[in-house]
């Protein structure tokens, strides 16, 4: 596993729903313990999604998120 990387293909809707879930998980009491490998991975994935998703900064974020959730459920 020395430097091995994988691609995780997601639709835009899936990425937005995943970002929201990770953000909520990170802020909850059920988040992985501080300093754990799980917390590190959670933060890395969340940061990657933040870099590619402009929607979380948009004033219409909740509308985008609801549409993304509907899209994910309908596919």
C-alpha atoms as a PDB file:
ATOM      1  CA  UNK A   1       0.000   0.000   0.000  1.00  0.00           C
ATOM      2  CA  UNK A   2       3.010   2.229  -0.298  1.00  0.00           C
ATOM      3  CA  UNK A   3       1.549   5.269  -2.025  1.00  0.00           C
ATOM      4  CA  UNK A   4      -1.162   3.274  -3.771  1.00  0.00           C
ATOM      5  CA  UNK A   5      -4.165   5.402  -4.666  1.00  0.00           C
ATOM      6  CA  UNK A   6      -7.649   4.535  -5.796  1.00  0.00           C
ATOM      7  CA  UNK A   7     -10.180   6.539  -7.724  1.00  0.00           C
ATOM      8  CA  UNK A   8     -13.624   6.688  -6.248  1.00  0.00           C
ATOM      9  CA  UNK A   9     -15.992   7.698  -9.025  1.00  0.00           C
ATOM     10  CA  UNK A  10     -18.992   9.591  -7.697  1.00  0.00           C
ATOM     11  CA  UNK A  11     -21.659  11.612  -9.384  1.00  0.00           C
ATOM     12  CA  UNK A  12     -21.918  15.256  -8.375  1.00  0.00           C
ATOM     13  CA  UNK A  13     -25.091  14.413  -6.420  1.00  0.00           C
ATOM     14  CA  UNK A  14     -23.403  11.534  -4.591  1.00  0.00           C
ATOM     15  CA  UNK A  15     -20.423  13.722  -3.732  1.00  0.00           C
ATOM     16  CA  UNK A  16     -22.652  16.453  -2.340  1.00  0.00           C
ATOM     17  CA  UNK A  17     -24.650  14.008  -0.199  1.00  0.00           C
ATOM     18  CA  UNK A  18     -21.430  12.383   1.027  1.00  0.00           C
ATOM     19  CA  UNK A  19     -19.925  15.781   1.858  1.00  0.00           C
ATOM     20  CA  UNK A  20     -22.973  16.738   3.923  1.00  0.00           C
ATOM     21  CA  UNK A  21     -22.938  13.431   5.777  1.00  0.00           C
ATOM     22  CA  UNK A  22     -19.209  13.705   6.523  1.00  0.00           C
ATOM     23  CA  UNK A  23     -19.614  17.297   7.688  1.00  0.00           C
ATOM     24  CA  UNK A  24     -22.417  16.293  10.031  1.00  0.00           C
ATOM     25  CA  UNK A  25     -20.520  13.255  11.268  1.00  0.00           C
ATOM     26  CA  UNK A  26     -17.439  15.363  11.943  1.00  0.00           C
ATOM     27  CA  UNK A  27     -19.522  17.740  14.081  1.00  0.00           C
ATOM     28  CA  UNK A  28     -21.343  14.990  15.983  1.00  0.00           C
ATOM     29  CA  UNK A  29     -20.490  13.148  19.156  1.00  0.00           C
ATOM     30  CA  UNK A  30     -20.347   9.899  17.182  1.00  0.00           C
ATOM     31  CA  UNK A  31     -17.349  11.099  15.162  1.00  0.00           C
ATOM     32  CA  UNK A  32     -14.189   9.014  15.314  1.00  0.00           C
ATOM     33  CA  UNK A  33     -11.958   9.772  18.300  1.00  0.00           C
ATOM     34  CA  UNK A  34      -9.589  12.696  17.924  1.00  0.00           C
ATOM     35  CA  UNK A  35      -6.211  11.625  16.606  1.00  0.00           C
ATOM     36  CA  UNK A  36      -7.511   8.311  15.260  1.00  0.00           C
ATOM     37  CA  UNK A  37      -6.749   7.045  11.754  1.00  0.00           C
ATOM     38  CA  UNK A  38     -10.482   7.141  11.049  1.00  0.00           C
ATOM     39  CA  UNK A  39     -10.661  10.832  11.930  1.00  0.00           C
ATOM     40  CA  UNK A  40      -7.703  11.560   9.659  1.00  0.00           C
ATOM     41  CA  UNK A  41      -9.343   9.779   6.716  1.00  0.00           C
ATOM     42  CA  UNK A  42     -12.661  11.498   7.424  1.00  0.00           C
ATOM     43  CA  UNK A  43     -10.972  14.898   7.330  1.00  0.00           C
ATOM     44  CA  UNK A  44      -9.016  14.036   4.166  1.00  0.00           C
ATOM     45  CA  UNK A  45     -12.117  12.941   2.256  1.00  0.00           C
ATOM     46  CA  UNK A  46     -14.066  15.953   3.501  1.00  0.00           C
ATOM     47  CA  UNK A  47     -11.234  18.270   2.398  1.00  0.00           C
ATOM     48  CA  UNK A  48     -11.071  16.646  -1.044  1.00  0.00           C
ATOM     49  CA  UNK A  49     -14.794  17.163  -1.507  1.00  0.00           C
ATOM     50  CA  UNK A  50     -14.551  20.781  -0.316  1.00  0.00           C
ATOM     51  CA  UNK A  51     -12.005  21.449  -3.062  1.00  0.00           C
ATOM     52  CA  UNK A  52     -14.227  20.169  -5.865  1.00  0.00           C
ATOM     53  CA  UNK A  53     -17.694  21.206  -4.706  1.00  0.00           C
ATOM     54  CA  UNK A  54     -18.616  24.883  -4.993  1.00  0.00           C
ATOM     55  CA  UNK A  55     -22.173  24.274  -3.715  1.00  0.00           C
ATOM     56  CA  UNK A  56     -21.412  24.319   0.052  1.00  0.00           C
ATOM     57  CA  UNK A  57     -20.426  27.985  -0.276  1.00  0.00           C
ATOM     58  CA  UNK A  58     -23.476  28.939  -2.314  1.00  0.00           C
ATOM     59  CA  UNK A  59     -26.420  30.644  -0.571  1.00  0.00           C
ATOM     60  CA  UNK A  60     -28.668  28.044  -2.246  1.00  0.00           C
ATOM     61  CA  UNK A  61     -26.703  25.148  -0.732  1.00  0.00           C
ATOM     62  CA  UNK A  62     -29.709  23.568   0.989  1.00  0.00           C
ATOM     63  CA  UNK A  63     -31.642  23.599  -2.281  1.00  0.00           C
ATOM     64  CA  UNK A  64     -28.719  21.944  -4.086  1.00  0.00           C
ATOM     65  CA  UNK A  65     -28.432  19.379  -1.308  1.00  0.00           C
ATOM     66  CA  UNK A  66     -32.131  18.489  -1.407  1.00  0.00           C
ATOM     67  CA  UNK A  67     -31.986  18.087  -5.190  1.00  0.00           C
ATOM     68  CA  UNK A  68     -28.873  15.917  -4.841  1.00  0.00           C
ATOM     69  CA  UNK A  69     -30.613  13.727  -2.274  1.00  0.00           C
ATOM     70  CA  UNK A  70     -33.611  13.264  -4.598  1.00  0.00           C
ATOM     71  CA  UNK A  71     -31.281  12.445  -7.478  1.00  0.00           C
ATOM     72  CA  UNK A  72     -29.391   9.839  -5.476  1.00  0.00           C
ATOM     73  CA  UNK A  73     -32.598   8.161  -4.350  1.00  0.00           C
ATOM     74  CA  UNK A  74     -34.024   8.090  -7.866  1.00  0.00           C
ATOM     75  CA  UNK A  75     -31.033   6.368  -9.473  1.00  0.00           C
END
